[in-house]
Structures are given as structure tokens and as C-alpha cells.
């Protein structure tokens, strides 16, 4: 018996994930990013408590442009994860399962995460 070579189902070159599937994957990636950021945050607190020279070293490291961008990405990840969690609470209440409404909520949560990050950025700029 001769075997045919067929693509696995669902084949990634054929199958297109719906918007909710892509956002679900992004939500999981943000969770991993937040976990890594929390570990780095705890490590930085441990370094800072070692004394004044450690505090100054950590402060100079945090003022690097790439570190600043990474911190703002972490803040975005936090707000995105929060907004996506609110959407899941709406689903838990039994609402928002219509396809058009699902896509609307996805756009709303992405806009809300960006807006909250921007407001945080403004708050930090006004405070300094």
C-alpha cells in the first residue's frame, strides 16, 4: 500500500487563525513576559538593598534607552493582560460571544491597553 504525503491538519500555510486566536496567543506571550519582568524586578530589588553603590549602579542601568523601552513594553504587557482579563470576565458572565462583538472587544482592549500605557507615560513625565 502506497502512502500519500498530505499536510498535517490544520496546516499553518493554509489555516488562518481568527483574530481571537491570535489575541489569545498574544495574551499568553504577555503573561510569560510579565513573569520574566517580575523575576527581573525582584532581582533588581535584591541588588538595590545591597547598599548605596548598588542603588546607583541599578539607577544608571535603568536610565539606559533600551532598558527604558523594555520597561514601557512591560507596562503595556501588564495593561494588555489586564484588559484581556476583563474581556474574559465578560465572557464568564455569558456575554460577548457574537463574532462581531468579539472583534469589537479585541479592538477595544488593545486600544485601552495602549491608552492606559500612554496615560502612565504622561503621568511619569509630569511627575519628573
C-alpha atoms as a PDB file:
ATOM      1  CA  UNK A   1       0.000   0.000   0.000  1.00  0.00           C
ATOM      2  CA  UNK A   2       1.411   3.334  -1.030  1.00  0.00           C
ATOM      3  CA  UNK A   3       1.229   6.225   1.457  1.00  0.00           C
ATOM      4  CA  UNK A   4       0.411   9.711   0.294  1.00  0.00           C
ATOM      5  CA  UNK A   5       2.190  12.736   1.670  1.00  0.00           C
ATOM      6  CA  UNK A   6      -0.518  15.041   2.935  1.00  0.00           C
ATOM      7  CA  UNK A   7      -0.216  18.194   5.001  1.00  0.00           C
ATOM      8  CA  UNK A   8      -0.979  17.939   8.681  1.00  0.00           C
ATOM      9  CA  UNK A   9      -4.277  19.412   9.747  1.00  0.00           C
ATOM     10  CA  UNK A  10      -4.554  22.298  10.426  1.00  0.00           C
ATOM     11  CA  UNK A  11      -1.663  23.179   8.174  1.00  0.00           C
ATOM     12  CA  UNK A  12      -0.181  26.555   9.083  1.00  0.00           C
ATOM     13  CA  UNK A  13       0.249  27.602   5.461  1.00  0.00           C
ATOM     14  CA  UNK A  14      -3.450  27.009   4.773  1.00  0.00           C
ATOM     15  CA  UNK A  15      -5.202  27.628   8.064  1.00  0.00           C
ATOM     16  CA  UNK A  16      -5.661  31.246   9.166  1.00  0.00           C
ATOM     17  CA  UNK A  17      -6.194  31.847  12.867  1.00  0.00           C
ATOM     18  CA  UNK A  18      -9.165  34.042  13.748  1.00  0.00           C
ATOM     19  CA  UNK A  19      -8.453  37.332  15.493  1.00  0.00           C
ATOM     20  CA  UNK A  20      -9.484  35.855  18.849  1.00  0.00           C
ATOM     21  CA  UNK A  21      -6.937  33.047  18.392  1.00  0.00           C
ATOM     22  CA  UNK A  22      -4.107  35.462  17.630  1.00  0.00           C
ATOM     23  CA  UNK A  23      -5.004  37.636  20.626  1.00  0.00           C
ATOM     24  CA  UNK A  24      -5.187  34.541  22.835  1.00  0.00           C
ATOM     25  CA  UNK A  25      -1.646  33.588  21.821  1.00  0.00           C
ATOM     26  CA  UNK A  26      -0.519  37.186  22.395  1.00  0.00           C
ATOM     27  CA  UNK A  27      -2.149  37.114  25.859  1.00  0.00           C
ATOM     28  CA  UNK A  28      -0.101  34.039  26.770  1.00  0.00           C
ATOM     29  CA  UNK A  29       3.099  35.642  25.461  1.00  0.00           C
ATOM     30  CA  UNK A  30       2.370  38.735  27.569  1.00  0.00           C
ATOM     31  CA  UNK A  31       1.917  36.502  30.608  1.00  0.00           C
ATOM     32  CA  UNK A  32       5.359  34.975  30.033  1.00  0.00           C
ATOM     33  CA  UNK A  33       6.818  38.468  29.535  1.00  0.00           C
ATOM     34  CA  UNK A  34       5.229  39.640  32.785  1.00  0.00           C
ATOM     35  CA  UNK A  35       6.634  36.642  34.646  1.00  0.00           C
ATOM     36  CA  UNK A  36      10.140  37.325  33.323  1.00  0.00           C
ATOM     37  CA  UNK A  37       9.754  41.003  34.217  1.00  0.00           C
ATOM     38  CA  UNK A  38       8.645  40.148  37.736  1.00  0.00           C
ATOM     39  CA  UNK A  39      11.719  37.947  38.221  1.00  0.00           C
ATOM     40  CA  UNK A  40      13.955  40.794  36.990  1.00  0.00           C
ATOM     41  CA  UNK A  41      12.133  43.217  39.281  1.00  0.00           C
ATOM     42  CA  UNK A  42      12.758  41.016  42.332  1.00  0.00           C
ATOM     43  CA  UNK A  43      16.414  40.610  41.344  1.00  0.00           C
ATOM     44  CA  UNK A  44      16.760  44.391  40.993  1.00  0.00           C
ATOM     45  CA  UNK A  45      15.235  44.887  44.453  1.00  0.00           C
ATOM     46  CA  UNK A  46      17.715  42.401  45.882  1.00  0.00           C
ATOM     47  CA  UNK A  47      20.597  44.259  44.216  1.00  0.00           C
ATOM     48  CA  UNK A  48      19.360  47.655  45.406  1.00  0.00           C
ATOM     49  CA  UNK A  49      19.164  46.586  49.032  1.00  0.00           C
ATOM     50  CA  UNK A  50      22.901  45.798  48.994  1.00  0.00           C
ATOM     51  CA  UNK A  51      23.820  49.444  49.544  1.00  0.00           C
ATOM     52  CA  UNK A  52      24.211  52.897  48.036  1.00  0.00           C
ATOM     53  CA  UNK A  53      26.689  51.873  45.333  1.00  0.00           C
ATOM     54  CA  UNK A  54      24.383  49.068  44.187  1.00  0.00           C
ATOM     55  CA  UNK A  55      21.474  51.518  44.099  1.00  0.00           C
ATOM     56  CA  UNK A  56      23.481  53.960  41.952  1.00  0.00           C
ATOM     57  CA  UNK A  57      24.533  51.160  39.593  1.00  0.00           C
ATOM     58  CA  UNK A  58      20.935  49.987  39.199  1.00  0.00           C
ATOM     59  CA  UNK A  59      19.739  53.543  38.637  1.00  0.00           C
ATOM     60  CA  UNK A  60      22.318  54.111  35.879  1.00  0.00           C
ATOM     61  CA  UNK A  61      21.302  50.803  34.272  1.00  0.00           C
ATOM     62  CA  UNK A  62      17.608  51.703  34.318  1.00  0.00           C
ATOM     63  CA  UNK A  63      18.349  55.040  32.626  1.00  0.00           C
ATOM     64  CA  UNK A  64      19.668  53.266  29.505  1.00  0.00           C
ATOM     65  CA  UNK A  65      17.364  53.791  26.488  1.00  0.00           C
ATOM     66  CA  UNK A  66      16.887  50.071  25.720  1.00  0.00           C
ATOM     67  CA  UNK A  67      16.031  49.334  29.349  1.00  0.00           C
ATOM     68  CA  UNK A  68      13.521  52.194  29.288  1.00  0.00           C
ATOM     69  CA  UNK A  69      11.861  50.753  26.184  1.00  0.00           C
ATOM     70  CA  UNK A  70      11.767  47.316  27.808  1.00  0.00           C
ATOM     71  CA  UNK A  71      10.131  48.784  30.916  1.00  0.00           C
ATOM     72  CA  UNK A  72       7.445  50.511  28.847  1.00  0.00           C
ATOM     73  CA  UNK A  73       6.819  47.267  26.954  1.00  0.00           C
ATOM     74  CA  UNK A  74       6.362  45.579  30.323  1.00  0.00           C
ATOM     75  CA  UNK A  75       3.850  48.233  31.337  1.00  0.00           C
ATOM     76  CA  UNK A  76       1.984  47.697  28.053  1.00  0.00           C
ATOM     77  CA  UNK A  77       2.040  43.935  28.673  1.00  0.00           C
ATOM     78  CA  UNK A  78       0.567  44.499  32.126  1.00  0.00           C
ATOM     79  CA  UNK A  79      -2.278  46.658  30.799  1.00  0.00           C
ATOM     80  CA  UNK A  80      -2.939  44.324  27.856  1.00  0.00           C
ATOM     81  CA  UNK A  81      -3.076  41.342  30.215  1.00  0.00           C
ATOM     82  CA  UNK A  82      -5.437  43.294  32.491  1.00  0.00           C
ATOM     83  CA  UNK A  83      -7.771  44.345  29.652  1.00  0.00           C
ATOM     84  CA  UNK A  84      -7.831  40.816  28.232  1.00  0.00           C
ATOM     85  CA  UNK A  85      -8.713  39.509  31.691  1.00  0.00           C
ATOM     86  CA  UNK A  86     -11.651  41.933  31.836  1.00  0.00           C
ATOM     87  CA  UNK A  87     -12.826  40.571  28.484  1.00  0.00           C
ATOM     88  CA  UNK A  88     -12.687  37.064  29.932  1.00  0.00           C
ATOM     89  CA  UNK A  89     -14.812  38.249  32.863  1.00  0.00           C
ATOM     90  CA  UNK A  90     -17.377  39.489  30.347  1.00  0.00           C
ATOM     91  CA  UNK A  91     -17.284  36.064  28.687  1.00  0.00           C
ATOM     92  CA  UNK A  92     -17.687  34.406  32.104  1.00  0.00           C
ATOM     93  CA  UNK A  93     -20.865  36.443  32.528  1.00  0.00           C
ATOM     94  CA  UNK A  94     -22.131  34.822  29.315  1.00  0.00           C
ATOM     95  CA  UNK A  95     -21.881  37.929  27.143  1.00  0.00           C
ATOM     96  CA  UNK A  96     -19.908  38.872  24.044  1.00  0.00           C
ATOM     97  CA  UNK A  97     -19.848  35.597  22.128  1.00  0.00           C
ATOM     98  CA  UNK A  98     -21.128  37.039  18.835  1.00  0.00           C
ATOM     99  CA  UNK A  99     -18.329  37.217  16.250  1.00  0.00           C
ATOM    100  CA  UNK A 100     -18.724  40.945  15.532  1.00  0.00           C
ATOM    101  CA  UNK A 101     -18.830  41.692  19.254  1.00  0.00           C
ATOM    102  CA  UNK A 102     -15.736  39.551  19.881  1.00  0.00           C
ATOM    103  CA  UNK A 103     -13.744  41.519  17.305  1.00  0.00           C
ATOM    104  CA  UNK A 104     -15.056  44.801  18.755  1.00  0.00           C
ATOM    105  CA  UNK A 105     -13.926  43.803  22.250  1.00  0.00           C
ATOM    106  CA  UNK A 106     -10.499  42.828  20.917  1.00  0.00           C
ATOM    107  CA  UNK A 107     -10.044  46.250  19.332  1.00  0.00           C
ATOM    108  CA  UNK A 108     -11.374  47.903  22.479  1.00  0.00           C
ATOM    109  CA  UNK A 109      -8.952  46.009  24.742  1.00  0.00           C
ATOM    110  CA  UNK A 110      -5.968  46.812  22.505  1.00  0.00           C
ATOM    111  CA  UNK A 111      -6.922  50.494  22.383  1.00  0.00           C
ATOM    112  CA  UNK A 112      -7.483  50.543  26.156  1.00  0.00           C
ATOM    113  CA  UNK A 113      -4.072  48.948  26.804  1.00  0.00           C
ATOM    114  CA  UNK A 114      -2.355  51.499  24.553  1.00  0.00           C
ATOM    115  CA  UNK A 115      -4.314  54.376  26.138  1.00  0.00           C
ATOM    116  CA  UNK A 116      -3.501  53.227  29.683  1.00  0.00           C
ATOM    117  CA  UNK A 117       0.185  52.887  28.780  1.00  0.00           C
ATOM    118  CA  UNK A 118       0.174  56.374  27.249  1.00  0.00           C
ATOM    119  CA  UNK A 119      -1.581  57.815  30.317  1.00  0.00           C
ATOM    120  CA  UNK A 120       1.027  56.163  32.532  1.00  0.00           C
ATOM    121  CA  UNK A 121       3.764  57.665  30.382  1.00  0.00           C
ATOM    122  CA  UNK A 122       2.177  61.130  30.741  1.00  0.00           C
ATOM    123  CA  UNK A 123       1.835  60.645  34.491  1.00  0.00           C
ATOM    124  CA  UNK A 124       5.528  59.740  34.807  1.00  0.00           C
ATOM    125  CA  UNK A 125       6.585  62.698  32.615  1.00  0.00           C
ATOM    126  CA  UNK A 126       4.517  65.165  34.671  1.00  0.00           C
ATOM    127  CA  UNK A 127       5.891  63.715  37.906  1.00  0.00           C
ATOM    128  CA  UNK A 128       9.546  64.180  36.890  1.00  0.00           C
END
